[in-house]
Amino acid sequence: MAKKSKNERNDDLRPEYELGELLGTAVQGKYAERYREGTNLVRLAPDIAEAFPTEESVNEALRLVIQLTRLHTKPRQS
């Protein structure tokens, strides 16, 4: 699907609103390819992003949570 130019966009905004100003530096369809691939995108809160600045650090922490959950939910053997 070809992208429409700014002049070709058919939007429902009021004439007094300038779409370019509203979008600022936003990029339309920035994550579209990842979405089609089935990648899960999660937006982290600023404090969490500061504690886990890389994709790998987030994944490592979540794997630890999964392991701890499994340990906690295993039935105890007598």
PDB file of N, CA and C in Angstrom:
ATOM      1  N   MET A   1       0.838  -1.164   0.000  1.00  0.00           N
ATOM      2  CA  MET A   1       0.000   0.000   0.000  1.00  0.00           C
ATOM      3  C   MET A   1       0.888   1.233   0.000  1.00  0.00           C
ATOM      4  N   ALA A   2       0.704   2.087  -0.964  1.00  0.00           N
ATOM      5  CA  ALA A   2       1.537   3.279  -1.098  1.00  0.00           C
ATOM      6  C   ALA A   2       1.117   4.326  -0.076  1.00  0.00           C
ATOM      7  N   LYS A   3       2.109   5.053   0.429  1.00  0.00           N
ATOM      8  CA  LYS A   3       1.819   6.120   1.379  1.00  0.00           C
ATOM      9  C   LYS A   3       1.199   7.289   0.637  1.00  0.00           C
ATOM     10  N   LYS A   4       0.280   7.944   1.292  1.00  0.00           N
ATOM     11  CA  LYS A   4      -0.332   9.134   0.716  1.00  0.00           C
ATOM     12  C   LYS A   4       0.509  10.345   1.106  1.00  0.00           C
ATOM     13  N   SER A   5       0.624  11.295   0.207  1.00  0.00           N
ATOM     14  CA  SER A   5       1.342  12.515   0.541  1.00  0.00           C
ATOM     15  C   SER A   5       0.488  13.347   1.486  1.00  0.00           C
ATOM     16  N   LYS A   6       1.078  14.373   2.072  1.00  0.00           N
ATOM     17  CA  LYS A   6       0.344  15.219   3.010  1.00  0.00           C
ATOM     18  C   LYS A   6      -0.888  15.833   2.347  1.00  0.00           C
ATOM     19  N   ASN A   7      -0.764  16.184   1.088  1.00  0.00           N
ATOM     20  CA  ASN A   7      -1.882  16.808   0.379  1.00  0.00           C
ATOM     21  C   ASN A   7      -2.980  15.801   0.048  1.00  0.00           C
ATOM     22  N   GLU A   8      -2.654  14.532  -0.053  1.00  0.00           N
ATOM     23  CA  GLU A   8      -3.622  13.509  -0.428  1.00  0.00           C
ATOM     24  C   GLU A   8      -4.344  12.898   0.763  1.00  0.00           C
ATOM     25  N   ARG A   9      -3.864  13.157   1.965  1.00  0.00           N
ATOM     26  CA  ARG A   9      -4.486  12.566   3.146  1.00  0.00           C
ATOM     27  C   ARG A   9      -5.914  13.065   3.290  1.00  0.00           C
ATOM     28  N   ASN A  10      -6.792  12.149   3.528  1.00  0.00           N
ATOM     29  CA  ASN A  10      -8.190  12.494   3.735  1.00  0.00           C
ATOM     30  C   ASN A  10      -8.475  12.347   5.222  1.00  0.00           C
ATOM     31  N   ASP A  11      -8.497  13.462   5.929  1.00  0.00           N
ATOM     32  CA  ASP A  11      -8.717  13.387   7.370  1.00  0.00           C
ATOM     33  C   ASP A  11      -9.962  14.164   7.752  1.00  0.00           C
ATOM     34  N   ASP A  12     -10.413  13.932   8.949  1.00  0.00           N
ATOM     35  CA  ASP A  12     -11.624  14.565   9.446  1.00  0.00           C
ATOM     36  C   ASP A  12     -11.328  15.719  10.399  1.00  0.00           C
ATOM     37  N   LEU A  13     -10.096  16.199  10.378  1.00  0.00           N
ATOM     38  CA  LEU A  13      -9.739  17.297  11.268  1.00  0.00           C
ATOM     39  C   LEU A  13     -10.404  18.587  10.811  1.00  0.00           C
ATOM     40  N   ARG A  14     -10.673  19.421  11.752  1.00  0.00           N
ATOM     41  CA  ARG A  14     -11.211  20.736  11.428  1.00  0.00           C
ATOM     42  C   ARG A  14     -10.159  21.529  10.650  1.00  0.00           C
ATOM     43  N   PRO A  15     -10.580  22.399   9.791  1.00  0.00           N
ATOM     44  CA  PRO A  15      -9.618  23.158   8.976  1.00  0.00           C
ATOM     45  C   PRO A  15      -8.607  23.955   9.800  1.00  0.00           C
ATOM     46  N   GLU A  16      -8.978  24.369  11.024  1.00  0.00           N
ATOM     47  CA  GLU A  16      -8.055  25.175  11.823  1.00  0.00           C
ATOM     48  C   GLU A  16      -6.913  24.359  12.443  1.00  0.00           C
ATOM     49  N   TYR A  17      -7.029  23.032  12.389  1.00  0.00           N
ATOM     50  CA  TYR A  17      -5.967  22.182  12.911  1.00  0.00           C
ATOM     51  C   TYR A  17      -5.003  21.811  11.800  1.00  0.00           C
ATOM     52  N   GLU A  18      -3.730  21.960  12.071  1.00  0.00           N
ATOM     53  CA  GLU A  18      -2.696  21.594  11.103  1.00  0.00           C
ATOM     54  C   GLU A  18      -2.142  20.238  11.507  1.00  0.00           C
ATOM     55  N   LEU A  19      -2.398  19.220  10.696  1.00  0.00           N
ATOM     56  CA  LEU A  19      -1.991  17.857  11.023  1.00  0.00           C
ATOM     57  C   LEU A  19      -0.492  17.763  11.256  1.00  0.00           C
ATOM     58  N   GLY A  20       0.290  18.441  10.456  1.00  0.00           N
ATOM     59  CA  GLY A  20       1.745  18.409  10.605  1.00  0.00           C
ATOM     60  C   GLY A  20       2.198  18.901  11.966  1.00  0.00           C
ATOM     61  N   GLU A  21       1.539  19.949  12.472  1.00  0.00           N
ATOM     62  CA  GLU A  21       1.887  20.474  13.791  1.00  0.00           C
ATOM     63  C   GLU A  21       1.441  19.520  14.899  1.00  0.00           C
ATOM     64  N   LEU A  22       0.291  18.894  14.721  1.00  0.00           N
ATOM     65  CA  LEU A  22      -0.209  17.967  15.734  1.00  0.00           C
ATOM     66  C   LEU A  22       0.673  16.736  15.853  1.00  0.00           C
ATOM     67  N   LEU A  23       1.143  16.252  14.725  1.00  0.00           N
ATOM     68  CA  LEU A  23       1.982  15.056  14.738  1.00  0.00           C
ATOM     69  C   LEU A  23       3.406  15.360  15.185  1.00  0.00           C
ATOM     70  N   GLY A  24       3.848  16.580  14.995  1.00  0.00           N
ATOM     71  CA  GLY A  24       5.212  16.940  15.395  1.00  0.00           C
ATOM     72  C   GLY A  24       6.228  16.090  14.673  1.00  0.00           C
ATOM     73  N   THR A  25       7.084  15.414  15.417  1.00  0.00           N
ATOM     74  CA  THR A  25       8.111  14.580  14.804  1.00  0.00           C
ATOM     75  C   THR A  25       7.691  13.119  14.733  1.00  0.00           C
ATOM     76  N   ALA A  26       6.420  12.851  15.008  1.00  0.00           N
ATOM     77  CA  ALA A  26       5.922  11.474  14.968  1.00  0.00           C
ATOM     78  C   ALA A  26       6.050  10.909  13.557  1.00  0.00           C
ATOM     79  N   VAL A  27       6.282   9.605  13.490  1.00  0.00           N
ATOM     80  CA  VAL A  27       6.417   8.927  12.214  1.00  0.00           C
ATOM     81  C   VAL A  27       5.274   7.941  12.085  1.00  0.00           C
ATOM     82  N   GLN A  28       4.470   8.115  11.055  1.00  0.00           N
ATOM     83  CA  GLN A  28       3.337   7.216  10.848  1.00  0.00           C
ATOM     84  C   GLN A  28       3.846   5.847  10.419  1.00  0.00           C
ATOM     85  N   GLY A  29       3.332   4.815  11.066  1.00  0.00           N
ATOM     86  CA  GLY A  29       3.689   3.447  10.707  1.00  0.00           C
ATOM     87  C   GLY A  29       5.079   3.030  11.148  1.00  0.00           C
ATOM     88  N   LYS A  30       5.626   3.689  12.134  1.00  0.00           N
ATOM     89  CA  LYS A  30       6.996   3.424  12.595  1.00  0.00           C
ATOM     90  C   LYS A  30       7.203   1.962  12.979  1.00  0.00           C
ATOM     91  N   TYR A  31       6.215   1.359  13.623  1.00  0.00           N
ATOM     92  CA  TYR A  31       6.344  -0.019  14.087  1.00  0.00           C
ATOM     93  C   TYR A  31       5.478  -0.989  13.290  1.00  0.00           C
ATOM     94  N   ALA A  32       4.980  -0.572  12.147  1.00  0.00           N
ATOM     95  CA  ALA A  32       4.072  -1.405  11.348  1.00  0.00           C
ATOM     96  C   ALA A  32       4.720  -2.728  10.941  1.00  0.00           C
ATOM     97  N   GLU A  33       5.968  -2.691  10.518  1.00  0.00           N
ATOM     98  CA  GLU A  33       6.638  -3.922  10.092  1.00  0.00           C
ATOM     99  C   GLU A  33       6.791  -4.899  11.250  1.00  0.00           C
ATOM    100  N   ARG A  34       7.204  -4.412  12.411  1.00  0.00           N
ATOM    101  CA  ARG A  34       7.326  -5.268  13.591  1.00  0.00           C
ATOM    102  C   ARG A  34       5.977  -5.874  13.971  1.00  0.00           C
ATOM    103  N   TYR A  35       4.938  -5.062  13.857  1.00  0.00           N
ATOM    104  CA  TYR A  35       3.593  -5.538  14.193  1.00  0.00           C
ATOM    105  C   TYR A  35       3.194  -6.681  13.267  1.00  0.00           C
ATOM    106  N   ARG A  36       3.458  -6.532  11.990  1.00  0.00           N
ATOM    107  CA  ARG A  36       3.125  -7.585  11.028  1.00  0.00           C
ATOM    108  C   ARG A  36       3.915  -8.866  11.306  1.00  0.00           C
ATOM    109  N   GLU A  37       5.118  -8.722  11.826  1.00  0.00           N
ATOM    110  CA  GLU A  37       5.949  -9.888  12.142  1.00  0.00           C
ATOM    111  C   GLU A  37       5.494 -10.587  13.414  1.00  0.00           C
ATOM    112  N   GLY A  38       4.604  -9.963  14.158  1.00  0.00           N
ATOM    113  CA  GLY A  38       4.106 -10.563  15.382  1.00  0.00           C
ATOM    114  C   GLY A  38       4.896 -10.165  16.609  1.00  0.00           C
ATOM    115  N   THR A  39       5.750  -9.180  16.490  1.00  0.00           N
ATOM    116  CA  THR A  39       6.532  -8.716  17.626  1.00  0.00           C
ATOM    117  C   THR A  39       5.623  -7.993  18.609  1.00  0.00           C
ATOM    118  N   ASN A  40       5.797  -8.279  19.886  1.00  0.00           N
ATOM    119  CA  ASN A  40       5.038  -7.577  20.922  1.00  0.00           C
ATOM    120  C   ASN A  40       5.798  -6.319  21.315  1.00  0.00           C
ATOM    121  N   LEU A  41       5.136  -5.197  21.203  1.00  0.00           N
ATOM    122  CA  LEU A  41       5.736  -3.943  21.623  1.00  0.00           C
ATOM    123  C   LEU A  41       5.098  -3.536  22.930  1.00  0.00           C
ATOM    124  N   VAL A  42       5.925  -3.148  23.879  1.00  0.00           N
ATOM    125  CA  VAL A  42       5.432  -2.731  25.183  1.00  0.00           C
ATOM    126  C   VAL A  42       6.104  -1.413  25.526  1.00  0.00           C
ATOM    127  N   ARG A  43       5.304  -0.444  25.880  1.00  0.00           N
ATOM    128  CA  ARG A  43       5.860   0.840  26.278  1.00  0.00           C
ATOM    129  C   ARG A  43       6.098   0.810  27.785  1.00  0.00           C
ATOM    130  N   LEU A  44       7.327   1.078  28.177  1.00  0.00           N
ATOM    131  CA  LEU A  44       7.691   1.059  29.591  1.00  0.00           C
ATOM    132  C   LEU A  44       7.505   2.438  30.201  1.00  0.00           C
ATOM    133  N   ALA A  45       7.102   2.445  31.451  1.00  0.00           N
ATOM    134  CA  ALA A  45       7.025   3.701  32.191  1.00  0.00           C
ATOM    135  C   ALA A  45       8.441   4.255  32.328  1.00  0.00           C
ATOM    136  N   PRO A  46       8.594   5.562  32.403  1.00  0.00           N
ATOM    137  CA  PRO A  46       9.931   6.163  32.462  1.00  0.00           C
ATOM    138  C   PRO A  46      10.817   5.602  33.571  1.00  0.00           C
ATOM    139  N   ASP A  47      10.263   5.348  34.755  1.00  0.00           N
ATOM    140  CA  ASP A  47      11.089   4.832  35.851  1.00  0.00           C
ATOM    141  C   ASP A  47      11.554   3.405  35.566  1.00  0.00           C
ATOM    142  N   ILE A  48      10.705   2.615  34.918  1.00  0.00           N
ATOM    143  CA  ILE A  48      11.093   1.246  34.561  1.00  0.00           C
ATOM    144  C   ILE A  48      12.146   1.275  33.455  1.00  0.00           C
ATOM    145  N   ALA A  49      11.957   2.131  32.463  1.00  0.00           N
ATOM    146  CA  ALA A  49      12.918   2.247  31.366  1.00  0.00           C
ATOM    147  C   ALA A  49      14.286   2.684  31.868  1.00  0.00           C
ATOM    148  N   GLU A  50      14.295   3.494  32.915  1.00  0.00           N
ATOM    149  CA  GLU A  50      15.571   3.932  33.487  1.00  0.00           C
ATOM    150  C   GLU A  50      16.286   2.759  34.167  1.00  0.00           C
ATOM    151  N   ALA A  51      15.523   1.909  34.839  1.00  0.00           N
ATOM    152  CA  ALA A  51      16.108   0.757  35.526  1.00  0.00           C
ATOM    153  C   ALA A  51      16.525  -0.336  34.554  1.00  0.00           C
ATOM    154  N   PHE A  52      15.805  -0.456  33.438  1.00  0.00           N
ATOM    155  CA  PHE A  52      16.089  -1.489  32.441  1.00  0.00           C
ATOM    156  C   PHE A  52      16.231  -0.822  31.075  1.00  0.00           C
ATOM    157  N   PRO A  53      17.414  -0.262  30.791  1.00  0.00           N
ATOM    158  CA  PRO A  53      17.586   0.562  29.590  1.00  0.00           C
ATOM    159  C   PRO A  53      17.698  -0.199  28.269  1.00  0.00           C
ATOM    160  N   THR A  54      17.903  -1.510  28.323  1.00  0.00           N
ATOM    161  CA  THR A  54      18.053  -2.258  27.068  1.00  0.00           C
ATOM    162  C   THR A  54      17.008  -3.360  26.972  1.00  0.00           C
ATOM    163  N   GLU A  55      16.779  -3.789  25.749  1.00  0.00           N
ATOM    164  CA  GLU A  55      15.840  -4.886  25.505  1.00  0.00           C
ATOM    165  C   GLU A  55      16.267  -6.142  26.270  1.00  0.00           C
ATOM    166  N   GLU A  56      17.548  -6.418  26.254  1.00  0.00           N
ATOM    167  CA  GLU A  56      18.049  -7.622  26.922  1.00  0.00           C
ATOM    168  C   GLU A  56      17.864  -7.545  28.437  1.00  0.00           C
ATOM    169  N   SER A  57      18.057  -6.360  29.034  1.00  0.00           N
ATOM    170  CA  SER A  57      17.885  -6.246  30.486  1.00  0.00           C
ATOM    171  C   SER A  57      16.425  -6.467  30.884  1.00  0.00           C
ATOM    172  N   VAL A  58      15.501  -6.012  30.056  1.00  0.00           N
ATOM    173  CA  VAL A  58      14.077  -6.252  30.325  1.00  0.00           C
ATOM    174  C   VAL A  58      13.780  -7.744  30.219  1.00  0.00           C
ATOM    175  N   ASN A  59      14.259  -8.370  29.163  1.00  0.00           N
ATOM    176  CA  ASN A  59      14.014  -9.802  28.967  1.00  0.00           C
ATOM    177  C   ASN A  59      14.619 -10.634  30.101  1.00  0.00           C
ATOM    178  N   GLU A  60      15.808 -10.283  30.533  1.00  0.00           N
ATOM    179  CA  GLU A  60      16.462 -11.014  31.622  1.00  0.00           C
ATOM    180  C   GLU A  60      15.642 -10.904  32.912  1.00  0.00           C
ATOM    181  N   ALA A  61      15.154  -9.709  33.209  1.00  0.00           N
ATOM    182  CA  ALA A  61      14.346  -9.518  34.417  1.00  0.00           C
ATOM    183  C   ALA A  61      13.044 -10.308  34.336  1.00  0.00           C
ATOM    184  N   LEU A  62      12.410 -10.302  33.177  1.00  0.00           N
ATOM    185  CA  LEU A  62      11.150 -11.038  33.029  1.00  0.00           C
ATOM    186  C   LEU A  62      11.368 -12.552  33.110  1.00  0.00           C
ATOM    187  N   ARG A  63      12.481 -13.026  32.584  1.00  0.00           N
ATOM    188  CA  ARG A  63      12.789 -14.464  32.704  1.00  0.00           C
ATOM    189  C   ARG A  63      12.973 -14.857  34.167  1.00  0.00           C
ATOM    190  N   LEU A  64      13.595 -13.995  34.938  1.00  0.00           N
ATOM    191  CA  LEU A  64      13.767 -14.247  36.370  1.00  0.00           C
ATOM    192  C   LEU A  64      12.408 -14.296  37.072  1.00  0.00           C
ATOM    193  N   VAL A  65      11.520 -13.385  36.716  1.00  0.00           N
ATOM    194  CA  VAL A  65      10.177 -13.389  37.297  1.00  0.00           C
ATOM    195  C   VAL A  65       9.464 -14.704  36.964  1.00  0.00           C
ATOM    196  N   ILE A  66       9.600 -15.155  35.735  1.00  0.00           N
ATOM    197  CA  ILE A  66       8.979 -16.426  35.328  1.00  0.00           C
ATOM    198  C   ILE A  66       9.538 -17.576  36.158  1.00  0.00           C
ATOM    199  N   GLN A  67      10.857 -17.615  36.329  1.00  0.00           N
ATOM    200  CA  GLN A  67      11.478 -18.685  37.122  1.00  0.00           C
ATOM    201  C   GLN A  67      10.984 -18.646  38.562  1.00  0.00           C
ATOM    202  N   LEU A  68      10.919 -17.459  39.139  1.00  0.00           N
ATOM    203  CA  LEU A  68      10.461 -17.337  40.522  1.00  0.00           C
ATOM    204  C   LEU A  68       9.002 -17.758  40.658  1.00  0.00           C
ATOM    205  N   THR A  69       8.207 -17.436  39.691  1.00  0.00           N
ATOM    206  CA  THR A  69       6.793 -17.832  39.707  1.00  0.00           C
ATOM    207  C   THR A  69       6.669 -19.345  39.661  1.00  0.00           C
ATOM    208  N   ARG A  70       7.462 -19.971  38.822  1.00  0.00           N
ATOM    209  CA  ARG A  70       7.419 -21.436  38.713  1.00  0.00           C
ATOM    210  C   ARG A  70       7.869 -22.099  40.008  1.00  0.00           C
ATOM    211  N   LEU A  71       8.879 -21.540  40.657  1.00  0.00           N
ATOM    212  CA  LEU A  71       9.339 -22.104  41.929  1.00  0.00           C
ATOM    213  C   LEU A  71       8.256 -22.002  42.990  1.00  0.00           C
ATOM    214  N   HIS A  72       7.582 -20.894  42.996  1.00  0.00           N
ATOM    215  CA  HIS A  72       6.559 -20.632  44.004  1.00  0.00           C
ATOM    216  C   HIS A  72       5.310 -21.493  43.789  1.00  0.00           C
ATOM    217  N   THR A  73       4.998 -21.834  42.560  1.00  0.00           N
ATOM    218  CA  THR A  73       3.757 -22.559  42.277  1.00  0.00           C
ATOM    219  C   THR A  73       3.941 -24.070  42.190  1.00  0.00           C
ATOM    220  N   LYS A  74       5.171 -24.578  42.305  1.00  0.00           N
ATOM    221  CA  LYS A  74       5.386 -26.033  42.281  1.00  0.00           C
ATOM    222  C   LYS A  74       4.784 -26.658  43.528  1.00  0.00           C
ATOM    223  N   PRO A  75       4.055 -27.743  43.351  1.00  0.00           N
ATOM    224  CA  PRO A  75       3.501 -28.419  44.528  1.00  0.00           C
ATOM    225  C   PRO A  75       4.626 -29.027  45.375  1.00  0.00           C
ATOM    226  N   ARG A  76       4.479 -28.924  46.659  1.00  0.00           N
ATOM    227  CA  ARG A  76       5.495 -29.480  47.563  1.00  0.00           C
ATOM    228  C   ARG A  76       5.284 -30.980  47.702  1.00  0.00           C
ATOM    229  N   GLN A  77       6.393 -31.699  47.688  1.00  0.00           N
ATOM    230  CA  GLN A  77       6.313 -33.155  47.879  1.00  0.00           C
ATOM    231  C   GLN A  77       6.654 -33.474  49.337  1.00  0.00           C
ATOM    232  N   SER A  78       5.903 -34.373  49.910  1.00  0.00           N
ATOM    233  CA  SER A  78       6.107 -34.732  51.321  1.00  0.00           C
ATOM    234  C   SER A  78       7.157 -35.804  51.449  1.00  0.00           C
TER     235      SER A  78
END
